[in-house]
Amino acid sequence: MAHNVFKYGRLILCVIAFALGIDGANAEIELETRSVSLAENIGVGDRVGRIRFLGMLALSDITHDGVRFSQLSGIAWDDDEGILYAVTDKGGLFHLKPRFKNDVLTGVRLLRAFPLRELDSGKPLKRSHADSEDLYVLNGHDRRRGNTELIISFEREPRIVRYRPDGHAIAVIPLPEVLNKAENYRNDNRMLESVCMDPSLGIITAPEIPLKSDGRDTTRIFNLSGQFWRYPYASGDRITAMECLGNGAVLVLQQNFRNPLGNVVVLLNRAQLKKATSGELLKPETIVKLDSVEGYHVDNFEGLTRHKGNRFFMISDNNDLFVQRSLLMYFEILDN
């Protein structure tokens, strides 16, 4: 009898939820996570280079409301809503809420999941059109709720698109001609991996590796009005994310990742764009270098965003392989 009451009770709740337009499959859940040390001799609160390590979690690989929580390639923090947005290589968009204890990252709740959609048809992105790589939050720090928009960059079919937080496209943002043509890139999987926005310079983006027209020892960081800055490049490096810091400064996430079983080098550099003229070679300063050969537990880090003040998140793309992990790392950049 009790079993029947429970069963019919759940049925009634489902009917009520359907009537109210609530998607039960899209309810909040606590992600299963596992704490990961940065290295055997590096604990929470310890300093490495110019960062203080504040926790790292291995995130579970699940499917939520039909969207696979895997291949996480870009993240962005919305301070007004208290949401960490994440996009995937397959066109998935997730709303996350990180949890902290004593300023240390301890858990993550998955709030919502959506497919990114086509501008014209509203249908979910598919195949080569779905390779979303990075994102930036518009109106996420204006102390107003409900006006968030997302700027999302793509590869395979290079473009930058404005989206609503529910995955519906608003508009395609025009690119400089050199970035608009797929044939100008060296590889269809090495296109617009990063995007952010500076108050004075506008939207900033960069190809993952140098364009065909660039040399082998420099790549370029662009804004959408046609300005560009040359950035030092070493063979095997990739620019996988950028975070605009204000006043023309950008934090650049680079890595050298050859294969899931090989050496991984993660590098965070800071560069000043506003103090340089268009076409000038930048001289970035290194914030931290994490090399797996030296015992650091790093993976294919592709996403970066500022949280509050000098604190940041980084996330890794597990390439949908069982030998890799989705790692969410939290850290603070130190002044000196």
C-alpha atoms as a PDB file:
ATOM      1  CA  MET A   1       0.000   0.000   0.000  1.00  0.00           C
ATOM      2  CA  ALA A   2       2.765   2.415   0.969  1.00  0.00           C
ATOM      3  CA  HIS A   3       4.551   1.633  -2.293  1.00  0.00           C
ATOM      4  CA  ASN A   4       1.399   2.471  -4.302  1.00  0.00           C
ATOM      5  CA  VAL A   5       0.926   5.746  -2.403  1.00  0.00           C
ATOM      6  CA  PHE A   6       4.528   6.713  -3.165  1.00  0.00           C
ATOM      7  CA  LYS A   7       4.155   5.759  -6.820  1.00  0.00           C
ATOM      8  CA  TYR A   8       0.937   7.693  -7.319  1.00  0.00           C
ATOM      9  CA  GLY A   9       2.341  10.608  -5.375  1.00  0.00           C
ATOM     10  CA  ARG A  10       5.259  10.839  -7.774  1.00  0.00           C
ATOM     11  CA  LEU A  11       2.857  10.634 -10.709  1.00  0.00           C
ATOM     12  CA  ILE A  12       0.822  13.538  -9.322  1.00  0.00           C
ATOM     13  CA  LEU A  13       3.997  15.601  -8.836  1.00  0.00           C
ATOM     14  CA  CYS A  14       5.061  14.898 -12.429  1.00  0.00           C
ATOM     15  CA  VAL A  15       1.632  15.996 -13.725  1.00  0.00           C
ATOM     16  CA  ILE A  16       1.868  19.213 -11.682  1.00  0.00           C
ATOM     17  CA  ALA A  17       5.405  19.844 -12.925  1.00  0.00           C
ATOM     18  CA  PHE A  18       4.300  19.309 -16.525  1.00  0.00           C
ATOM     19  CA  ALA A  19       1.391  21.709 -16.071  1.00  0.00           C
ATOM     20  CA  LEU A  20       3.724  24.356 -14.671  1.00  0.00           C
ATOM     21  CA  GLY A  21       6.256  23.871 -17.446  1.00  0.00           C
ATOM     22  CA  ILE A  22       8.920  22.483 -15.107  1.00  0.00           C
ATOM     23  CA  ASP A  23      11.338  20.027 -16.685  1.00  0.00           C
ATOM     24  CA  GLY A  24      12.110  17.455 -14.018  1.00  0.00           C
ATOM     25  CA  ALA A  25      15.124  16.200 -15.963  1.00  0.00           C
ATOM     26  CA  ASN A  26      16.570  19.711 -15.772  1.00  0.00           C
ATOM     27  CA  ALA A  27      16.372  19.925 -11.990  1.00  0.00           C
ATOM     28  CA  GLU A  28      19.469  20.890 -10.023  1.00  0.00           C
ATOM     29  CA  ILE A  29      21.815  18.062  -9.090  1.00  0.00           C
ATOM     30  CA  GLU A  30      24.999  17.819  -7.080  1.00  0.00           C
ATOM     31  CA  LEU A  31      27.794  16.603  -9.334  1.00  0.00           C
ATOM     32  CA  GLU A  32      29.896  13.752  -8.084  1.00  0.00           C
ATOM     33  CA  THR A  33      33.384  15.153  -7.622  1.00  0.00           C
ATOM     34  CA  ARG A  34      36.737  14.005  -6.359  1.00  0.00           C
ATOM     35  CA  SER A  35      39.365  16.288  -4.875  1.00  0.00           C
ATOM     36  CA  VAL A  36      42.645  16.306  -6.823  1.00  0.00           C
ATOM     37  CA  SER A  37      45.928  17.709  -5.552  1.00  0.00           C
ATOM     38  CA  LEU A  38      47.954  19.970  -7.821  1.00  0.00           C
ATOM     39  CA  ALA A  39      51.041  17.869  -7.002  1.00  0.00           C
ATOM     40  CA  GLU A  40      52.075  15.438  -4.283  1.00  0.00           C
ATOM     41  CA  ASN A  41      53.877  18.178  -2.366  1.00  0.00           C
ATOM     42  CA  ILE A  42      51.393  21.004  -3.152  1.00  0.00           C
ATOM     43  CA  GLY A  43      48.476  21.453  -0.773  1.00  0.00           C
ATOM     44  CA  VAL A  44      45.551  23.860  -0.696  1.00  0.00           C
ATOM     45  CA  GLY A  45      46.832  27.343   0.074  1.00  0.00           C
ATOM     46  CA  ASP A  46      50.346  26.643  -1.210  1.00  0.00           C
ATOM     47  CA  ARG A  47      52.068  28.902  -3.706  1.00  0.00           C
ATOM     48  CA  VAL A  48      53.300  27.821  -7.144  1.00  0.00           C
ATOM     49  CA  GLY A  49      54.896  30.489  -9.319  1.00  0.00           C
ATOM     50  CA  ARG A  50      52.620  33.502  -8.876  1.00  0.00           C
ATOM     51  CA  ILE A  51      49.436  31.605  -8.016  1.00  0.00           C
ATOM     52  CA  ARG A  52      47.986  30.222  -4.774  1.00  0.00           C
ATOM     53  CA  PHE A  53      46.287  26.853  -5.236  1.00  0.00           C
ATOM     54  CA  LEU A  54      42.719  26.870  -3.849  1.00  0.00           C
ATOM     55  CA  GLY A  55      41.434  23.445  -4.818  1.00  0.00           C
ATOM     56  CA  MET A  56      40.780  21.233  -7.837  1.00  0.00           C
ATOM     57  CA  LEU A  57      37.943  18.793  -8.516  1.00  0.00           C
ATOM     58  CA  ALA A  58      37.566  15.942 -10.986  1.00  0.00           C
ATOM     59  CA  LEU A  59      33.991  16.232 -12.301  1.00  0.00           C
ATOM     60  CA  SER A  60      31.758  13.293 -13.134  1.00  0.00           C
ATOM     61  CA  ASP A  61      30.869  12.538 -16.755  1.00  0.00           C
ATOM     62  CA  ILE A  62      27.066  12.414 -16.989  1.00  0.00           C
ATOM     63  CA  THR A  63      24.189  13.264 -19.323  1.00  0.00           C
ATOM     64  CA  HIS A  64      21.718  15.846 -18.045  1.00  0.00           C
ATOM     65  CA  ASP A  65      18.500  16.631 -19.917  1.00  0.00           C
ATOM     66  CA  GLY A  66      19.971  14.977 -22.996  1.00  0.00           C
ATOM     67  CA  VAL A  67      23.182  17.066 -22.950  1.00  0.00           C
ATOM     68  CA  ARG A  68      26.487  15.302 -22.266  1.00  0.00           C
ATOM     69  CA  PHE A  69      28.587  16.859 -19.497  1.00  0.00           C
ATOM     70  CA  SER A  70      31.904  16.082 -21.173  1.00  0.00           C
ATOM     71  CA  GLN A  71      34.499  17.797 -23.413  1.00  0.00           C
ATOM     72  CA  LEU A  72      34.201  21.047 -21.432  1.00  0.00           C
ATOM     73  CA  SER A  73      36.097  23.622 -23.471  1.00  0.00           C
ATOM     74  CA  GLY A  74      35.134  27.056 -22.113  1.00  0.00           C
ATOM     75  CA  ILE A  75      33.844  28.678 -18.924  1.00  0.00           C
ATOM     76  CA  ALA A  76      32.664  32.163 -17.891  1.00  0.00           C
ATOM     77  CA  TRP A  77      31.519  33.590 -14.552  1.00  0.00           C
ATOM     78  CA  ASP A  78      28.305  35.622 -14.206  1.00  0.00           C
ATOM     79  CA  ASP A  79      28.668  37.585 -10.965  1.00  0.00           C
ATOM     80  CA  ASP A  80      25.118  38.967 -10.988  1.00  0.00           C
ATOM     81  CA  GLU A  81      23.503  35.534 -11.290  1.00  0.00           C
ATOM     82  CA  GLY A  82      26.160  33.596  -9.363  1.00  0.00           C
ATOM     83  CA  ILE A  83      26.491  31.128 -12.236  1.00  0.00           C
ATOM     84  CA  LEU A  84      29.524  29.545 -13.873  1.00  0.00           C
ATOM     85  CA  TYR A  85      28.626  28.840 -17.512  1.00  0.00           C
ATOM     86  CA  ALA A  86      30.400  26.070 -19.421  1.00  0.00           C
ATOM     87  CA  VAL A  87      30.298  25.065 -23.091  1.00  0.00           C
ATOM     88  CA  THR A  88      31.349  21.799 -24.706  1.00  0.00           C
ATOM     89  CA  ASP A  89      32.860  20.702 -28.002  1.00  0.00           C
ATOM     90  CA  LYS A  90      29.469  19.218 -28.919  1.00  0.00           C
ATOM     91  CA  GLY A  91      27.444  22.394 -28.511  1.00  0.00           C
ATOM     92  CA  GLY A  92      26.284  21.897 -24.927  1.00  0.00           C
ATOM     93  CA  LEU A  93      25.723  24.766 -22.477  1.00  0.00           C
ATOM     94  CA  PHE A  94      25.669  24.211 -18.707  1.00  0.00           C
ATOM     95  CA  HIS A  95      24.834  26.421 -15.733  1.00  0.00           C
ATOM     96  CA  LEU A  96      26.967  25.508 -12.720  1.00  0.00           C
ATOM     97  CA  LYS A  97      27.175  26.760  -9.155  1.00  0.00           C
ATOM     98  CA  PRO A  98      30.551  26.140  -7.493  1.00  0.00           C
ATOM     99  CA  ARG A  99      30.595  25.653  -3.741  1.00  0.00           C
ATOM    100  CA  PHE A 100      33.295  26.799  -1.335  1.00  0.00           C
ATOM    101  CA  LYS A 101      34.411  26.307   2.225  1.00  0.00           C
ATOM    102  CA  ASN A 102      36.860  28.817   3.667  1.00  0.00           C
ATOM    103  CA  ASP A 103      37.483  30.120   0.112  1.00  0.00           C
ATOM    104  CA  VAL A 104      38.453  26.627  -1.098  1.00  0.00           C
ATOM    105  CA  LEU A 105      36.560  24.932  -3.983  1.00  0.00           C
ATOM    106  CA  THR A 106      34.686  21.961  -2.505  1.00  0.00           C
ATOM    107  CA  GLY A 107      31.821  21.073  -4.849  1.00  0.00           C
ATOM    108  CA  VAL A 108      29.727  21.912  -7.907  1.00  0.00           C
ATOM    109  CA  ARG A 109      25.981  21.898  -8.498  1.00  0.00           C
ATOM    110  CA  LEU A 110      24.658  21.473 -12.019  1.00  0.00           C
ATOM    111  CA  LEU A 111      21.711  23.847 -12.346  1.00  0.00           C
ATOM    112  CA  ARG A 112      20.600  23.649 -15.980  1.00  0.00           C
ATOM    113  CA  ALA A 113      21.656  22.129 -19.290  1.00  0.00           C
ATOM    114  CA  PHE A 114      20.799  23.330 -22.800  1.00  0.00           C
ATOM    115  CA  PRO A 115      21.853  22.620 -26.375  1.00  0.00           C
ATOM    116  CA  LEU A 116      23.167  25.636 -28.265  1.00  0.00           C
ATOM    117  CA  ARG A 117      20.803  26.408 -31.134  1.00  0.00           C
ATOM    118  CA  GLU A 118      20.993  27.701 -34.690  1.00  0.00           C
ATOM    119  CA  LEU A 119      20.118  31.351 -35.218  1.00  0.00           C
ATOM    120  CA  ASP A 120      17.633  30.862 -38.056  1.00  0.00           C
ATOM    121  CA  SER A 121      15.935  27.548 -37.323  1.00  0.00           C
ATOM    122  CA  GLY A 122      16.316  27.338 -33.555  1.00  0.00           C
ATOM    123  CA  LYS A 123      17.380  23.710 -33.933  1.00  0.00           C
ATOM    124  CA  PRO A 124      20.265  22.322 -31.838  1.00  0.00           C
ATOM    125  CA  LEU A 125      23.690  22.731 -33.420  1.00  0.00           C
ATOM    126  CA  LYS A 126      25.054  19.584 -35.047  1.00  0.00           C
ATOM    127  CA  ARG A 127      28.339  18.167 -36.318  1.00  0.00           C
ATOM    128  CA  SER A 128      30.943  20.750 -37.388  1.00  0.00           C
ATOM    129  CA  HIS A 129      28.629  23.648 -36.500  1.00  0.00           C
ATOM    130  CA  ALA A 130      28.511  22.587 -32.850  1.00  0.00           C
ATOM    131  CA  ASP A 131      32.186  22.944 -31.867  1.00  0.00           C
ATOM    132  CA  SER A 132      31.858  25.699 -29.244  1.00  0.00           C
ATOM    133  CA  GLU A 133      35.181  26.531 -27.599  1.00  0.00           C
ATOM    134  CA  ASP A 134      35.052  29.584 -25.343  1.00  0.00           C
ATOM    135  CA  LEU A 135      32.598  32.121 -23.988  1.00  0.00           C
ATOM    136  CA  TYR A 136      32.343  35.472 -22.259  1.00  0.00           C
ATOM    137  CA  VAL A 137      29.480  36.900 -20.183  1.00  0.00           C
ATOM    138  CA  LEU A 138      27.953  40.230 -21.191  1.00  0.00           C
ATOM    139  CA  ASN A 139      26.123  42.234 -18.491  1.00  0.00           C
ATOM    140  CA  GLY A 140      27.376  39.855 -15.835  1.00  0.00           C
ATOM    141  CA  HIS A 141      28.776  42.559 -13.553  1.00  0.00           C
ATOM    142  CA  ASP A 142      26.256  45.422 -13.834  1.00  0.00           C
ATOM    143  CA  ARG A 143      24.302  44.524 -10.668  1.00  0.00           C
ATOM    144  CA  ARG A 144      21.185  43.743 -12.698  1.00  0.00           C
ATOM    145  CA  ARG A 145      19.704  40.280 -12.980  1.00  0.00           C
ATOM    146  CA  GLY A 146      17.992  38.815 -16.022  1.00  0.00           C
ATOM    147  CA  ASN A 147      19.975  40.665 -18.726  1.00  0.00           C
ATOM    148  CA  THR A 148      22.852  38.227 -19.250  1.00  0.00           C
ATOM    149  CA  GLU A 149      24.064  37.428 -22.745  1.00  0.00           C
ATOM    150  CA  LEU A 150      26.870  35.086 -23.778  1.00  0.00           C
ATOM    151  CA  ILE A 151      29.467  35.592 -26.497  1.00  0.00           C
ATOM    152  CA  ILE A 152      30.596  32.180 -27.758  1.00  0.00           C
ATOM    153  CA  SER A 153      33.448  31.384 -30.164  1.00  0.00           C
ATOM    154  CA  PHE A 154      33.613  28.340 -32.443  1.00  0.00           C
ATOM    155  CA  GLU A 155      36.045  26.360 -34.555  1.00  0.00           C
ATOM    156  CA  ARG A 156      35.617  24.062 -37.603  1.00  0.00           C
ATOM    157  CA  GLU A 157      33.248  26.783 -38.867  1.00  0.00           C
ATOM    158  CA  PRO A 158      34.883  29.911 -37.382  1.00  0.00           C
ATOM    159  CA  ARG A 159      32.466  32.447 -35.918  1.00  0.00           C
ATOM    160  CA  ILE A 160      31.494  34.332 -32.764  1.00  0.00           C
ATOM    161  CA  VAL A 161      27.804  34.363 -31.804  1.00  0.00           C
ATOM    162  CA  ARG A 162      25.729  36.122 -29.142  1.00  0.00           C
ATOM    163  CA  TYR A 163      23.487  33.769 -27.173  1.00  0.00           C
ATOM    164  CA  ARG A 164      20.884  33.869 -24.459  1.00  0.00           C
ATOM    165  CA  PRO A 165      21.658  31.779 -21.368  1.00  0.00           C
ATOM    166  CA  ASP A 166      19.045  29.235 -22.511  1.00  0.00           C
ATOM    167  CA  GLY A 167      21.068  28.396 -25.631  1.00  0.00           C
ATOM    168  CA  HIS A 168      19.066  30.419 -28.160  1.00  0.00           C
ATOM    169  CA  ALA A 169      21.154  32.472 -30.581  1.00  0.00           C
ATOM    170  CA  ILE A 170      20.681  36.241 -30.819  1.00  0.00           C
ATOM    171  CA  ALA A 171      23.097  37.353 -33.553  1.00  0.00           C
ATOM    172  CA  VAL A 172      26.300  36.433 -35.354  1.00  0.00           C
ATOM    173  CA  ILE A 173      29.071  38.948 -34.666  1.00  0.00           C
ATOM    174  CA  PRO A 174      31.022  40.033 -37.777  1.00  0.00           C
ATOM    175  CA  LEU A 175      34.689  38.996 -37.825  1.00  0.00           C
ATOM    176  CA  PRO A 176      37.680  40.588 -39.546  1.00  0.00           C
ATOM    177  CA  GLU A 177      38.034  39.072 -43.010  1.00  0.00           C
ATOM    178  CA  VAL A 178      41.195  37.154 -42.139  1.00  0.00           C
ATOM    179  CA  LEU A 179      39.367  35.320 -39.326  1.00  0.00           C
ATOM    180  CA  ASN A 180      36.145  34.829 -41.238  1.00  0.00           C
ATOM    181  CA  LYS A 181      37.572  32.477 -43.885  1.00  0.00           C
ATOM    182  CA  ALA A 182      38.199  28.873 -42.857  1.00  0.00           C
ATOM    183  CA  GLU A 183      40.937  28.495 -45.473  1.00  0.00           C
ATOM    184  CA  ASN A 184      43.119  31.010 -43.607  1.00  0.00           C
ATOM    185  CA  TYR A 185      43.540  28.599 -40.674  1.00  0.00           C
ATOM    186  CA  ARG A 186      46.086  25.784 -40.580  1.00  0.00           C
ATOM    187  CA  ASN A 187      43.594  23.253 -39.218  1.00  0.00           C
ATOM    188  CA  ASP A 188      39.802  23.184 -38.859  1.00  0.00           C
ATOM    189  CA  ASN A 189      40.281  22.058 -35.249  1.00  0.00           C
ATOM    190  CA  ARG A 190      42.630  24.961 -34.435  1.00  0.00           C
ATOM    191  CA  MET A 191      40.413  27.983 -34.986  1.00  0.00           C
ATOM    192  CA  LEU A 192      38.762  30.437 -32.539  1.00  0.00           C
ATOM    193  CA  GLU A 193      39.506  28.758 -29.229  1.00  0.00           C
ATOM    194  CA  SER A 194      39.349  31.928 -27.104  1.00  0.00           C
ATOM    195  CA  VAL A 195      37.210  35.028 -26.642  1.00  0.00           C
ATOM    196  CA  CYS A 196      36.798  37.818 -24.067  1.00  0.00           C
ATOM    197  CA  MET A 197      35.870  41.497 -24.053  1.00  0.00           C
ATOM    198  CA  ASP A 198      37.841  44.551 -22.977  1.00  0.00           C
ATOM    199  CA  PRO A 199      35.942  47.768 -22.146  1.00  0.00           C
ATOM    200  CA  SER A 200      38.010  49.895 -24.528  1.00  0.00           C
ATOM    201  CA  LEU A 201      39.317  47.397 -27.112  1.00  0.00           C
ATOM    202  CA  GLY A 202      36.097  45.430 -27.550  1.00  0.00           C
ATOM    203  CA  ILE A 203      35.888  41.713 -28.256  1.00  0.00           C
ATOM    204  CA  ILE A 204      39.289  39.978 -28.229  1.00  0.00           C
ATOM    205  CA  THR A 205      39.982  36.606 -29.854  1.00  0.00           C
ATOM    206  CA  ALA A 206      42.866  34.521 -31.155  1.00  0.00           C
ATOM    207  CA  PRO A 207      43.330  31.419 -33.305  1.00  0.00           C
ATOM    208  CA  GLU A 208      44.552  28.387 -31.398  1.00  0.00           C
ATOM    209  CA  ILE A 209      47.728  28.237 -33.518  1.00  0.00           C
ATOM    210  CA  PRO A 210      49.149  30.764 -36.030  1.00  0.00           C
ATOM    211  CA  LEU A 211      47.224  31.459 -39.227  1.00  0.00           C
ATOM    212  CA  LYS A 212      48.734  30.345 -42.524  1.00  0.00           C
ATOM    213  CA  SER A 213      49.811  33.920 -43.214  1.00  0.00           C
ATOM    214  CA  ASP A 214      51.745  34.122 -39.936  1.00  0.00           C
ATOM    215  CA  GLY A 215      55.241  32.851 -39.301  1.00  0.00           C
ATOM    216  CA  ARG A 216      56.143  29.899 -37.118  1.00  0.00           C
ATOM    217  CA  ASP A 217      57.393  31.917 -34.151  1.00  0.00           C
ATOM    218  CA  THR A 218      54.476  34.348 -33.659  1.00  0.00           C
ATOM    219  CA  THR A 219      50.709  34.198 -33.672  1.00  0.00           C
ATOM    220  CA  ARG A 220      48.207  37.064 -33.400  1.00  0.00           C
ATOM    221  CA  ILE A 221      45.616  38.311 -30.931  1.00  0.00           C
ATOM    222  CA  PHE A 222      42.820  40.280 -32.652  1.00  0.00           C
ATOM    223  CA  ASN A 223      40.024  42.636 -31.801  1.00  0.00           C
ATOM    224  CA  LEU A 224      37.057  42.872 -34.153  1.00  0.00           C
ATOM    225  CA  SER A 225      37.807  46.399 -35.375  1.00  0.00           C
ATOM    226  CA  GLY A 226      40.898  45.181 -37.236  1.00  0.00           C
ATOM    227  CA  GLN A 227      43.641  45.737 -34.666  1.00  0.00           C
ATOM    228  CA  PHE A 228      46.001  42.879 -33.859  1.00  0.00           C
ATOM    229  CA  TRP A 229      49.003  42.221 -31.660  1.00  0.00           C
ATOM    230  CA  ARG A 230      51.728  39.685 -32.318  1.00  0.00           C
ATOM    231  CA  TYR A 231      52.251  37.102 -29.612  1.00  0.00           C
ATOM    232  CA  PRO A 232      55.290  34.799 -29.192  1.00  0.00           C
ATOM    233  CA  TYR A 233      54.658  31.238 -30.335  1.00  0.00           C
ATOM    234  CA  ALA A 234      56.633  28.021 -29.835  1.00  0.00           C
ATOM    235  CA  SER A 235      56.076  24.810 -31.770  1.00  0.00           C
ATOM    236  CA  GLY A 236      53.388  22.646 -30.195  1.00  0.00           C
ATOM    237  CA  ASP A 237      51.882  25.462 -28.115  1.00  0.00           C
ATOM    238  CA  ARG A 238      48.189  26.305 -28.322  1.00  0.00           C
ATOM    239  CA  ILE A 239      46.267  29.337 -27.060  1.00  0.00           C
ATOM    240  CA  THR A 240      43.200  27.699 -25.542  1.00  0.00           C
ATOM    241  CA  ALA A 241      41.585  30.582 -23.599  1.00  0.00           C
ATOM    242  CA  MET A 242      41.924  34.252 -22.745  1.00  0.00           C
ATOM    243  CA  GLU A 243      40.435  36.353 -19.965  1.00  0.00           C
ATOM    244  CA  CYS A 244      40.271  40.133 -20.312  1.00  0.00           C
ATOM    245  CA  LEU A 245      41.418  41.780 -17.086  1.00  0.00           C
ATOM    246  CA  GLY A 246      40.546  45.396 -17.917  1.00  0.00           C
ATOM    247  CA  ASN A 247      42.762  48.286 -19.048  1.00  0.00           C
ATOM    248  CA  GLY A 248      43.872  46.302 -22.093  1.00  0.00           C
ATOM    249  CA  ALA A 249      45.420  43.430 -20.121  1.00  0.00           C
ATOM    250  CA  VAL A 250      44.692  39.808 -21.002  1.00  0.00           C
ATOM    251  CA  LEU A 251      45.446  36.563 -19.207  1.00  0.00           C
ATOM    252  CA  VAL A 252      46.403  33.946 -21.782  1.00  0.00           C
ATOM    253  CA  LEU A 253      46.044  30.213 -21.162  1.00  0.00           C
ATOM    254  CA  GLN A 254      48.468  28.199 -23.265  1.00  0.00           C
ATOM    255  CA  GLN A 255      49.301  24.556 -23.286  1.00  0.00           C
ATOM    256  CA  ASN A 256      51.385  21.991 -25.053  1.00  0.00           C
ATOM    257  CA  PHE A 257      49.397  18.764 -25.074  1.00  0.00           C
ATOM    258  CA  ARG A 258      50.573  16.085 -27.478  1.00  0.00           C
ATOM    259  CA  ASN A 259      48.446  13.092 -26.486  1.00  0.00           C
ATOM    260  CA  PRO A 260      46.490  11.749 -23.466  1.00  0.00           C
ATOM    261  CA  LEU A 261      49.426   9.628 -22.296  1.00  0.00           C
ATOM    262  CA  GLY A 262      52.173  12.144 -22.997  1.00  0.00           C
ATOM    263  CA  ASN A 263      53.612  15.254 -21.411  1.00  0.00           C
ATOM    264  CA  VAL A 264      51.273  18.174 -20.645  1.00  0.00           C
ATOM    265  CA  VAL A 265      52.531  21.716 -20.091  1.00  0.00           C
ATOM    266  CA  VAL A 266      50.060  24.395 -18.939  1.00  0.00           C
ATOM    267  CA  LEU A 267      51.190  28.023 -19.052  1.00  0.00           C
ATOM    268  CA  LEU A 268      49.475  31.196 -17.821  1.00  0.00           C
ATOM    269  CA  ASN A 269      50.824  34.453 -19.238  1.00  0.00           C
ATOM    270  CA  ARG A 270      49.683  38.053 -18.831  1.00  0.00           C
ATOM    271  CA  ALA A 271      50.046  40.513 -21.715  1.00  0.00           C
ATOM    272  CA  GLN A 272      49.316  44.223 -22.094  1.00  0.00           C
ATOM    273  CA  LEU A 273      47.498  45.077 -25.346  1.00  0.00           C
ATOM    274  CA  LYS A 274      46.562  48.692 -24.723  1.00  0.00           C
ATOM    275  CA  LYS A 275      50.155  49.756 -24.114  1.00  0.00           C
ATOM    276  CA  ALA A 276      51.215  48.272 -27.468  1.00  0.00           C
ATOM    277  CA  THR A 277      50.485  49.515 -30.978  1.00  0.00           C
ATOM    278  CA  SER A 278      48.657  47.397 -33.526  1.00  0.00           C
ATOM    279  CA  GLY A 279      51.080  44.888 -35.043  1.00  0.00           C
ATOM    280  CA  GLU A 280      53.590  45.167 -32.199  1.00  0.00           C
ATOM    281  CA  LEU A 281      55.166  42.047 -30.698  1.00  0.00           C
ATOM    282  CA  LEU A 282      53.927  41.590 -27.131  1.00  0.00           C
ATOM    283  CA  LYS A 283      56.209  40.680 -24.235  1.00  0.00           C
ATOM    284  CA  PRO A 284      54.027  38.545 -21.940  1.00  0.00           C
ATOM    285  CA  GLU A 285      54.957  37.885 -18.327  1.00  0.00           C
ATOM    286  CA  THR A 286      54.673  34.319 -17.024  1.00  0.00           C
ATOM    287  CA  ILE A 287      52.315  33.822 -14.083  1.00  0.00           C
ATOM    288  CA  VAL A 288      52.817  30.076 -13.686  1.00  0.00           C
ATOM    289  CA  LYS A 289      54.071  27.065 -15.635  1.00  0.00           C
ATOM    290  CA  LEU A 290      52.751  23.611 -14.728  1.00  0.00           C
ATOM    291  CA  ASP A 291      54.570  20.685 -16.348  1.00  0.00           C
ATOM    292  CA  SER A 292      53.327  17.132 -15.803  1.00  0.00           C
ATOM    293  CA  VAL A 293      56.933  15.887 -16.046  1.00  0.00           C
ATOM    294  CA  GLU A 294      57.597  17.828 -12.833  1.00  0.00           C
ATOM    295  CA  GLY A 295      54.739  16.039 -11.067  1.00  0.00           C
ATOM    296  CA  TYR A 296      51.867  18.462 -11.604  1.00  0.00           C
ATOM    297  CA  HIS A 297      48.463  16.805 -11.999  1.00  0.00           C
ATOM    298  CA  VAL A 298      47.333  18.784 -15.026  1.00  0.00           C
ATOM    299  CA  ASP A 299      45.309  17.826 -18.061  1.00  0.00           C
ATOM    300  CA  ASN A 300      43.991  19.377 -21.275  1.00  0.00           C
ATOM    301  CA  PHE A 301      43.071  22.792 -19.778  1.00  0.00           C
ATOM    302  CA  GLU A 302      41.024  24.814 -22.264  1.00  0.00           C
ATOM    303  CA  GLY A 303      38.784  27.123 -20.209  1.00  0.00           C
ATOM    304  CA  LEU A 304      39.621  30.135 -18.034  1.00  0.00           C
ATOM    305  CA  THR A 305      37.564  32.802 -16.281  1.00  0.00           C
ATOM    306  CA  ARG A 306      37.893  35.324 -13.480  1.00  0.00           C
ATOM    307  CA  HIS A 307      35.723  34.666 -10.441  1.00  0.00           C
ATOM    308  CA  LYS A 308      36.203  37.527  -7.987  1.00  0.00           C
ATOM    309  CA  GLY A 309      39.163  39.872  -7.584  1.00  0.00           C
ATOM    310  CA  ASN A 310      42.334  37.948  -8.399  1.00  0.00           C
ATOM    311  CA  ARG A 311      40.682  34.520  -8.168  1.00  0.00           C
ATOM    312  CA  PHE A 312      40.099  32.388 -11.241  1.00  0.00           C
ATOM    313  CA  PHE A 313      38.765  29.058 -12.504  1.00  0.00           C
ATOM    314  CA  MET A 314      40.370  26.812 -15.121  1.00  0.00           C
ATOM    315  CA  ILE A 315      38.729  23.739 -16.643  1.00  0.00           C
ATOM    316  CA  SER A 316      40.063  20.857 -18.736  1.00  0.00           C
ATOM    317  CA  ASP A 317      38.548  19.130 -21.768  1.00  0.00           C
ATOM    318  CA  ASN A 318      38.597  15.344 -21.305  1.00  0.00           C
ATOM    319  CA  ASN A 319      38.208  14.751 -25.067  1.00  0.00           C
ATOM    320  CA  ASP A 320      35.558  12.172 -24.118  1.00  0.00           C
ATOM    321  CA  LEU A 321      38.361   9.701 -23.314  1.00  0.00           C
ATOM    322  CA  PHE A 322      38.420   7.502 -20.214  1.00  0.00           C
ATOM    323  CA  VAL A 323      42.126   8.216 -19.693  1.00  0.00           C
ATOM    324  CA  GLN A 324      41.463  11.953 -19.241  1.00  0.00           C
ATOM    325  CA  ARG A 325      39.540  13.988 -16.680  1.00  0.00           C
ATOM    326  CA  SER A 326      37.347  17.067 -16.504  1.00  0.00           C
ATOM    327  CA  LEU A 327      39.277  19.069 -13.908  1.00  0.00           C
ATOM    328  CA  LEU A 328      37.962  22.307 -12.420  1.00  0.00           C
ATOM    329  CA  MET A 329      40.777  24.217 -10.740  1.00  0.00           C
ATOM    330  CA  TYR A 330      40.459  27.291  -8.510  1.00  0.00           C
ATOM    331  CA  PHE A 331      43.400  29.613  -7.799  1.00  0.00           C
ATOM    332  CA  GLU A 332      44.450  33.118  -6.894  1.00  0.00           C
ATOM    333  CA  ILE A 333      46.983  35.223  -8.806  1.00  0.00           C
ATOM    334  CA  LEU A 334      49.412  36.886  -6.423  1.00  0.00           C
ATOM    335  CA  ASP A 335      50.669  40.438  -6.890  1.00  0.00           C
ATOM    336  CA  ASN A 336      54.321  39.428  -6.521  1.00  0.00           C
END
